[in-house]
Full PDB file with SEQRES, HELIX, SHEET, SSBOND, CRYST1, ORIGX, SCALE, CONECT and MASTER records, all heavy atoms in Angstrom:
SEQRES   1 A   31  SER CYS GLY ALA CYS VAL LYS ALA CYS PRO ARG GLY ILE          
SEQRES   2 A   31  ILE GLU LEU ARG LYS LYS GLY PRO LYS GLY ARG ARG ILE          
SEQRES   3 A   31  TYR VAL SER CYS VAL                                          
HELIX    1 AA1 ALA A    4  ALA A    8  1                                   5    
HELIX    2 AA2 PRO A   21  GLY A   23  5                                   3    
CRYST1    1.000    1.000    1.000  90.00  90.00  90.00 P 1           1          
ORIGX1      1.000000  0.000000  0.000000        0.00000                         
ORIGX2      0.000000  1.000000  0.000000        0.00000                         
ORIGX3      0.000000  0.000000  1.000000        0.00000                         
SCALE1      1.000000  0.000000  0.000000        0.00000                         
SCALE2      0.000000  1.000000  0.000000        0.00000                         
SCALE3      0.000000  0.000000  1.000000        0.00000                         
ATOM      1  N   SER A   1     224.492 277.764  58.800  1.00  0.00           N  
ATOM      2  CA  SER A   1     224.919 278.153  60.153  1.00  0.00           C  
ATOM      3  C   SER A   1     225.789 277.084  60.810  1.00  0.00           C  
ATOM      4  O   SER A   1     225.674 276.833  62.000  1.00  0.00           O  
ATOM      5  CB  SER A   1     223.705 278.481  61.042  1.00  0.00           C  
ATOM      6  OG  SER A   1     222.924 277.342  61.321  1.00  0.00           O  
ATOM      7  N   CYS A   2     226.671 276.486  60.011  1.00  0.00           N  
ATOM      8  CA  CYS A   2     227.566 275.463  60.557  1.00  0.00           C  
ATOM      9  C   CYS A   2     228.670 276.084  61.407  1.00  0.00           C  
ATOM     10  O   CYS A   2     229.266 275.415  62.245  1.00  0.00           O  
ATOM     11  CB  CYS A   2     228.166 274.624  59.436  1.00  0.00           C  
ATOM     12  SG  CYS A   2     229.346 275.512  58.384  1.00  0.00           S  
ATOM     13  N   GLY A   3     228.985 277.354  61.169  1.00  0.00           N  
ATOM     14  CA  GLY A   3     229.984 278.041  61.978  1.00  0.00           C  
ATOM     15  C   GLY A   3     231.414 277.900  61.479  1.00  0.00           C  
ATOM     16  O   GLY A   3     232.340 278.384  62.129  1.00  0.00           O  
ATOM     17  N   ALA A   4     231.614 277.258  60.330  1.00  0.00           N  
ATOM     18  CA  ALA A   4     232.981 277.075  59.817  1.00  0.00           C  
ATOM     19  C   ALA A   4     233.630 278.420  59.490  1.00  0.00           C  
ATOM     20  O   ALA A   4     234.820 278.626  59.748  1.00  0.00           O  
ATOM     21  CB  ALA A   4     232.961 276.181  58.577  1.00  0.00           C  
ATOM     22  N   CYS A   5     232.853 279.345  58.941  1.00  0.00           N  
ATOM     23  CA  CYS A   5     233.401 280.660  58.604  1.00  0.00           C  
ATOM     24  C   CYS A   5     233.734 281.454  59.861  1.00  0.00           C  
ATOM     25  O   CYS A   5     234.685 282.240  59.876  1.00  0.00           O  
ATOM     26  CB  CYS A   5     232.419 281.439  57.733  1.00  0.00           C  
ATOM     27  SG  CYS A   5     230.777 281.666  58.466  1.00  0.00           S  
ATOM     28  N   VAL A   6     232.950 281.253  60.907  1.00  0.00           N  
ATOM     29  CA  VAL A   6     233.205 281.940  62.173  1.00  0.00           C  
ATOM     30  C   VAL A   6     234.569 281.531  62.719  1.00  0.00           C  
ATOM     31  O   VAL A   6     235.353 282.373  63.172  1.00  0.00           O  
ATOM     32  CB  VAL A   6     232.103 281.612  63.194  1.00  0.00           C  
ATOM     33  CG1 VAL A   6     232.402 282.268  64.533  1.00  0.00           C  
ATOM     34  CG2 VAL A   6     230.743 282.069  62.676  1.00  0.00           C  
ATOM     35  N   LYS A   7     234.854 280.240  62.663  1.00  0.00           N  
ATOM     36  CA  LYS A   7     236.133 279.734  63.159  1.00  0.00           C  
ATOM     37  C   LYS A   7     237.293 280.163  62.265  1.00  0.00           C  
ATOM     38  O   LYS A   7     238.411 280.351  62.741  1.00  0.00           O  
ATOM     39  CB  LYS A   7     236.081 278.207  63.252  1.00  0.00           C  
ATOM     40  CG  LYS A   7     235.041 277.682  64.222  1.00  0.00           C  
ATOM     41  CD  LYS A   7     234.977 276.158  64.175  1.00  0.00           C  
ATOM     42  CE  LYS A   7     233.884 275.621  65.082  1.00  0.00           C  
ATOM     43  NZ  LYS A   7     233.753 274.136  64.989  1.00  0.00           N  
ATOM     44  N   ALA A   8     237.016 280.326  60.972  1.00  0.00           N  
ATOM     45  CA  ALA A   8     238.095 280.635  60.025  1.00  0.00           C  
ATOM     46  C   ALA A   8     238.528 282.091  60.087  1.00  0.00           C  
ATOM     47  O   ALA A   8     239.665 282.405  59.732  1.00  0.00           O  
ATOM     48  CB  ALA A   8     237.656 280.294  58.602  1.00  0.00           C  
ATOM     49  N   CYS A   9     237.652 282.988  60.526  1.00  0.00           N  
ATOM     50  CA  CYS A   9     237.981 284.419  60.523  1.00  0.00           C  
ATOM     51  C   CYS A   9     238.928 284.759  61.670  1.00  0.00           C  
ATOM     52  O   CYS A   9     238.566 284.621  62.845  1.00  0.00           O  
ATOM     53  CB  CYS A   9     236.711 285.253  60.643  1.00  0.00           C  
ATOM     54  SG  CYS A   9     237.035 287.037  60.651  1.00  0.00           S  
ATOM     55  N   PRO A  10     240.143 285.227  61.380  1.00  0.00           N  
ATOM     56  CA  PRO A  10     241.101 285.517  62.458  1.00  0.00           C  
ATOM     57  C   PRO A  10     240.742 286.753  63.275  1.00  0.00           C  
ATOM     58  O   PRO A  10     241.271 286.949  64.367  1.00  0.00           O  
ATOM     59  CB  PRO A  10     242.421 285.715  61.711  1.00  0.00           C  
ATOM     60  CG  PRO A  10     242.014 286.194  60.355  1.00  0.00           C  
ATOM     61  CD  PRO A  10     240.723 285.484  60.048  1.00  0.00           C  
ATOM     62  N   ARG A  11     239.843 287.575  62.768  1.00  0.00           N  
ATOM     63  CA  ARG A  11     239.470 288.802  63.476  1.00  0.00           C  
ATOM     64  C   ARG A  11     238.118 288.698  64.184  1.00  0.00           C  
ATOM     65  O   ARG A  11     237.681 289.644  64.823  1.00  0.00           O  
ATOM     66  CB  ARG A  11     239.474 289.978  62.499  1.00  0.00           C  
ATOM     67  CG  ARG A  11     240.888 290.309  62.038  1.00  0.00           C  
ATOM     68  CD  ARG A  11     240.963 291.610  61.274  1.00  0.00           C  
ATOM     69  NE  ARG A  11     242.352 292.047  61.145  1.00  0.00           N  
ATOM     70  CZ  ARG A  11     242.744 293.105  60.461  1.00  0.00           C  
ATOM     71  NH1 ARG A  11     241.844 293.843  59.821  1.00  0.00           N  
ATOM     72  NH2 ARG A  11     244.015 293.441  60.415  1.00  0.00           N  
ATOM     73  N   GLY A  12     237.469 287.569  64.043  1.00  0.00           N  
ATOM     74  CA  GLY A  12     236.216 287.353  64.767  1.00  0.00           C  
ATOM     75  C   GLY A  12     235.100 288.289  64.373  1.00  0.00           C  
ATOM     76  O   GLY A  12     234.268 288.641  65.212  1.00  0.00           O  
ATOM     77  N   ILE A  13     235.041 288.690  63.100  1.00  0.00           N  
ATOM     78  CA  ILE A  13     233.983 289.607  62.692  1.00  0.00           C  
ATOM     79  C   ILE A  13     232.744 288.880  62.183  1.00  0.00           C  
ATOM     80  O   ILE A  13     231.713 289.510  61.946  1.00  0.00           O  
ATOM     81  CB  ILE A  13     234.474 290.593  61.608  1.00  0.00           C  
ATOM     82  CG1 ILE A  13     234.799 289.841  60.312  1.00  0.00           C  
ATOM     83  CG2 ILE A  13     235.677 291.368  62.083  1.00  0.00           C  
ATOM     84  CD1 ILE A  13     235.058 290.768  59.150  1.00  0.00           C  
ATOM     85  N   ILE A  14     232.829 287.563  62.001  1.00  0.00           N  
ATOM     86  CA  ILE A  14     231.668 286.794  61.546  1.00  0.00           C  
ATOM     87  C   ILE A  14     230.984 286.178  62.761  1.00  0.00           C  
ATOM     88  O   ILE A  14     231.637 285.566  63.604  1.00  0.00           O  
ATOM     89  CB  ILE A  14     232.068 285.709  60.535  1.00  0.00           C  
ATOM     90  CG1 ILE A  14     232.832 286.334  59.362  1.00  0.00           C  
ATOM     91  CG2 ILE A  14     230.845 284.966  60.036  1.00  0.00           C  
ATOM     92  CD1 ILE A  14     233.279 285.340  58.314  1.00  0.00           C  
ATOM     93  N   GLU A  15     229.686 286.348  62.818  1.00  0.00           N  
ATOM     94  CA  GLU A  15     228.914 285.902  63.975  1.00  0.00           C  
ATOM     95  C   GLU A  15     227.673 285.153  63.502  1.00  0.00           C  
ATOM     96  O   GLU A  15     227.085 285.497  62.467  1.00  0.00           O  
ATOM     97  CB  GLU A  15     228.501 287.115  64.815  1.00  0.00           C  
ATOM     98  CG  GLU A  15     227.597 286.790  65.991  1.00  0.00           C  
ATOM     99  CD  GLU A  15     227.030 288.041  66.647  1.00  0.00           C  
ATOM    100  OE1 GLU A  15     227.240 289.145  66.105  1.00  0.00           O  
ATOM    101  OE2 GLU A  15     226.366 287.907  67.680  1.00  0.00           O  
ATOM    102  N   LEU A  16     227.282 284.123  64.235  1.00  0.00           N  
ATOM    103  CA  LEU A  16     226.018 283.453  63.970  1.00  0.00           C  
ATOM    104  C   LEU A  16     224.931 284.164  64.764  1.00  0.00           C  
ATOM    105  O   LEU A  16     225.013 284.274  65.987  1.00  0.00           O  
ATOM    106  CB  LEU A  16     226.083 281.978  64.376  1.00  0.00           C  
ATOM    107  CG  LEU A  16     226.987 281.068  63.540  1.00  0.00           C  
ATOM    108  CD1 LEU A  16     226.913 279.640  64.060  1.00  0.00           C  
ATOM    109  CD2 LEU A  16     226.599 281.106  62.060  1.00  0.00           C  
ATOM    110  N   ARG A  17     223.921 284.661  64.056  1.00  0.00           N  
ATOM    111  CA  ARG A  17     222.818 285.362  64.692  1.00  0.00           C  
ATOM    112  C   ARG A  17     221.493 284.728  64.277  1.00  0.00           C  
ATOM    113  O   ARG A  17     221.415 284.042  63.252  1.00  0.00           O  
ATOM    114  CB  ARG A  17     222.807 286.852  64.297  1.00  0.00           C  
ATOM    115  CG  ARG A  17     223.996 287.630  64.830  1.00  0.00           C  
ATOM    116  CD  ARG A  17     223.923 289.088  64.400  1.00  0.00           C  
ATOM    117  NE  ARG A  17     222.854 289.817  65.052  1.00  0.00           N  
ATOM    118  CZ  ARG A  17     223.003 290.459  66.215  1.00  0.00           C  
ATOM    119  NH1 ARG A  17     224.158 290.423  66.856  1.00  0.00           N  
ATOM    120  NH2 ARG A  17     221.999 291.130  66.734  1.00  0.00           N  
ATOM    121  N   LYS A  18     220.471 284.969  65.067  1.00  0.00           N  
ATOM    122  CA  LYS A  18     219.145 284.473  64.706  1.00  0.00           C  
ATOM    123  C   LYS A  18     218.725 285.097  63.381  1.00  0.00           C  
ATOM    124  O   LYS A  18     218.919 286.279  63.147  1.00  0.00           O  
ATOM    125  CB  LYS A  18     218.140 284.821  65.796  1.00  0.00           C  
ATOM    126  CG  LYS A  18     218.362 284.064  67.104  1.00  0.00           C  
ATOM    127  CD  LYS A  18     217.299 284.431  68.119  1.00  0.00           C  
ATOM    128  CE  LYS A  18     217.512 283.643  69.416  1.00  0.00           C  
ATOM    129  NZ  LYS A  18     216.477 283.987  70.435  1.00  0.00           N  
ATOM    130  N   LYS A  19     218.162 284.251  62.534  1.00  0.00           N  
ATOM    131  CA  LYS A  19     217.755 284.733  61.216  1.00  0.00           C  
ATOM    132  C   LYS A  19     216.674 285.793  61.336  1.00  0.00           C  
ATOM    133  O   LYS A  19     216.618 286.717  60.520  1.00  0.00           O  
ATOM    134  CB  LYS A  19     217.261 283.565  60.372  1.00  0.00           C  
ATOM    135  CG  LYS A  19     217.388 283.791  58.885  1.00  0.00           C  
ATOM    136  CD  LYS A  19     217.234 282.498  58.125  1.00  0.00           C  
ATOM    137  CE  LYS A  19     217.559 282.696  56.645  1.00  0.00           C  
ATOM    138  NZ  LYS A  19     217.456 281.428  55.894  1.00  0.00           N  
ATOM    139  N   GLY A  20     215.830 285.675  62.343  1.00  0.00           N  
ATOM    140  CA  GLY A  20     214.821 286.691  62.609  1.00  0.00           C  
ATOM    141  C   GLY A  20     213.524 286.438  61.857  1.00  0.00           C  
ATOM    142  O   GLY A  20     213.503 285.727  60.850  1.00  0.00           O  
ATOM    143  N   PRO A  21     212.429 287.016  62.324  1.00  0.00           N  
ATOM    144  CA  PRO A  21     211.144 286.866  61.624  1.00  0.00           C  
ATOM    145  C   PRO A  21     211.208 287.446  60.231  1.00  0.00           C  
ATOM    146  O   PRO A  21     211.667 288.580  60.041  1.00  0.00           O  
ATOM    147  CB  PRO A  21     210.164 287.637  62.528  1.00  0.00           C  
ATOM    148  CG  PRO A  21     211.018 288.563  63.337  1.00  0.00           C  
ATOM    149  CD  PRO A  21     212.323 287.866  63.523  1.00  0.00           C  
ATOM    150  N   LYS A  22     210.803 286.655  59.254  1.00  0.00           N  
ATOM    151  CA  LYS A  22     210.849 287.045  57.841  1.00  0.00           C  
ATOM    152  C   LYS A  22     212.275 287.378  57.405  1.00  0.00           C  
ATOM    153  O   LYS A  22     212.488 288.120  56.444  1.00  0.00           O  
ATOM    154  CB  LYS A  22     209.925 288.240  57.572  1.00  0.00           C  
ATOM    155  CG  LYS A  22     208.456 287.953  57.837  1.00  0.00           C  
ATOM    156  CD  LYS A  22     207.588 289.156  57.503  1.00  0.00           C  
ATOM    157  CE  LYS A  22     206.122 288.860  57.771  1.00  0.00           C  
ATOM    158  NZ  LYS A  22     205.248 290.026  57.444  1.00  0.00           N  
ATOM    159  N   GLY A  23     213.254 286.830  58.120  1.00  0.00           N  
ATOM    160  CA  GLY A  23     214.653 287.066  57.772  1.00  0.00           C  
ATOM    161  C   GLY A  23     215.158 288.445  58.129  1.00  0.00           C  
ATOM    162  O   GLY A  23     216.241 288.844  57.689  1.00  0.00           O  
ATOM    163  N   ARG A  24     214.406 289.182  58.946  1.00  0.00           N  
ATOM    164  CA  ARG A  24     214.788 290.551  59.282  1.00  0.00           C  
ATOM    165  C   ARG A  24     215.710 290.589  60.482  1.00  0.00           C  
ATOM    166  O   ARG A  24     215.432 289.956  61.503  1.00  0.00           O  
ATOM    167  CB  ARG A  24     213.528 291.391  59.533  1.00  0.00           C  
ATOM    168  CG  ARG A  24     212.644 291.508  58.308  1.00  0.00           C  
ATOM    169  CD  ARG A  24     211.335 292.207  58.616  1.00  0.00           C  
ATOM    170  NE  ARG A  24     210.470 292.254  57.439  1.00  0.00           N  
ATOM    171  CZ  ARG A  24     209.224 292.704  57.437  1.00  0.00           C  
ATOM    172  NH1 ARG A  24     208.702 293.185  58.567  1.00  0.00           N  
ATOM    173  NH2 ARG A  24     208.520 292.698  56.326  1.00  0.00           N  
ATOM    174  N   ARG A  25     216.794 291.339  60.353  1.00  0.00           N  
ATOM    175  CA  ARG A  25     217.792 291.420  61.410  1.00  0.00           C  
ATOM    176  C   ARG A  25     218.326 292.847  61.493  1.00  0.00           C  
ATOM    177  O   ARG A  25     218.351 293.565  60.494  1.00  0.00           O  
ATOM    178  CB  ARG A  25     218.970 290.477  61.130  1.00  0.00           C  
ATOM    179  CG  ARG A  25     218.584 289.046  60.967  1.00  0.00           C  
ATOM    180  CD  ARG A  25     219.777 288.154  60.660  1.00  0.00           C  
ATOM    181  NE  ARG A  25     220.408 288.447  59.382  1.00  0.00           N  
ATOM    182  CZ  ARG A  25     219.916 288.053  58.217  1.00  0.00           C  
ATOM    183  NH1 ARG A  25     218.786 287.377  58.170  1.00  0.00           N  
ATOM    184  NH2 ARG A  25     220.539 288.340  57.085  1.00  0.00           N  
ATOM    185  N   ILE A  26     218.772 293.222  62.676  1.00  0.00           N  
ATOM    186  CA  ILE A  26     219.462 294.498  62.889  1.00  0.00           C  
ATOM    187  C   ILE A  26     220.712 294.201  63.705  1.00  0.00           C  
ATOM    188  O   ILE A  26     220.639 293.506  64.720  1.00  0.00           O  
ATOM    189  CB  ILE A  26     218.567 295.514  63.631  1.00  0.00           C  
ATOM    190  CG1 ILE A  26     217.332 295.850  62.805  1.00  0.00           C  
ATOM    191  CG2 ILE A  26     219.342 296.789  63.936  1.00  0.00           C  
ATOM    192  CD1 ILE A  26     216.376 296.793  63.501  1.00  0.00           C  
ATOM    193  N   TYR A  27     221.841 294.702  63.258  1.00  0.00           N  
ATOM    194  CA  TYR A  27     223.080 294.452  63.988  1.00  0.00           C  
ATOM    195  C   TYR A  27     224.067 295.585  63.745  1.00  0.00           C  
ATOM    196  O   TYR A  27     223.931 296.351  62.784  1.00  0.00           O  
ATOM    197  CB  TYR A  27     223.702 293.107  63.577  1.00  0.00           C  
ATOM    198  CG  TYR A  27     224.023 292.996  62.105  1.00  0.00           C  
ATOM    199  CD1 TYR A  27     225.287 293.322  61.614  1.00  0.00           C  
ATOM    200  CD2 TYR A  27     223.064 292.551  61.202  1.00  0.00           C  
ATOM    201  CE1 TYR A  27     225.582 293.208  60.265  1.00  0.00           C  
ATOM    202  CE2 TYR A  27     223.350 292.432  59.851  1.00  0.00           C  
ATOM    203  CZ  TYR A  27     224.603 292.767  59.384  1.00  0.00           C  
ATOM    204  OH  TYR A  27     224.896 292.666  58.051  1.00  0.00           O  
ATOM    205  N   VAL A  28     225.032 295.683  64.634  1.00  0.00           N  
ATOM    206  CA  VAL A  28     226.095 296.677  64.476  1.00  0.00           C  
ATOM    207  C   VAL A  28     227.164 296.082  63.575  1.00  0.00           C  
ATOM    208  O   VAL A  28     227.808 295.094  63.928  1.00  0.00           O  
ATOM    209  CB  VAL A  28     226.701 297.067  65.840  1.00  0.00           C  
ATOM    210  CG1 VAL A  28     227.802 298.106  65.654  1.00  0.00           C  
ATOM    211  CG2 VAL A  28     225.618 297.611  66.769  1.00  0.00           C  
ATOM    212  N   SER A  29     227.344 296.677  62.412  1.00  0.00           N  
ATOM    213  CA  SER A  29     228.276 296.138  61.426  1.00  0.00           C  
ATOM    214  C   SER A  29     229.683 296.697  61.646  1.00  0.00           C  
ATOM    215  O   SER A  29     230.299 297.277  60.742  1.00  0.00           O  
ATOM    216  CB  SER A  29     227.791 296.467  60.016  1.00  0.00           C  
ATOM    217  OG  SER A  29     228.570 295.790  59.051  1.00  0.00           O  
ATOM    218  N   CYS A  30     230.190 296.516  62.854  1.00  0.00           N  
ATOM    219  CA  CYS A  30     231.534 296.995  63.196  1.00  0.00           C  
ATOM    220  C   CYS A  30     231.970 296.344  64.496  1.00  0.00           C  
ATOM    221  O   CYS A  30     231.148 296.148  65.406  1.00  0.00           O  
ATOM    222  CB  CYS A  30     231.541 298.513  63.347  1.00  0.00           C  
ATOM    223  SG  CYS A  30     233.168 299.207  63.757  1.00  0.00           S  
ATOM    224  N   VAL A  31     233.246 295.997  64.586  1.00  0.00           N  
ATOM    225  CA  VAL A  31     233.800 295.442  65.825  1.00  0.00           C  
ATOM    226  C   VAL A  31     235.027 296.228  66.281  1.00  0.00           C  
ATOM    227  O   VAL A  31     235.796 295.763  67.128  1.00  0.00           O  
ATOM    228  CB  VAL A  31     234.167 293.941  65.654  1.00  0.00           C  
ATOM    229  CG1 VAL A  31     232.934 293.103  65.379  1.00  0.00           C  
ATOM    230  CG2 VAL A  31     235.209 293.749  64.544  1.00  0.00           C  
TER     231      VAL A  31                                                      
MASTER        0    0    0    2    0    0    0    6  230    1    0    3          
END                                                                             
């Protein structure tokens, strides 16, 4: 979660999110 990929993406589709309990996450996979 260093954020280097977030800065590198010109379209801003990469986001740092909480890993979540047991690694479980829900997110909208579209911008």
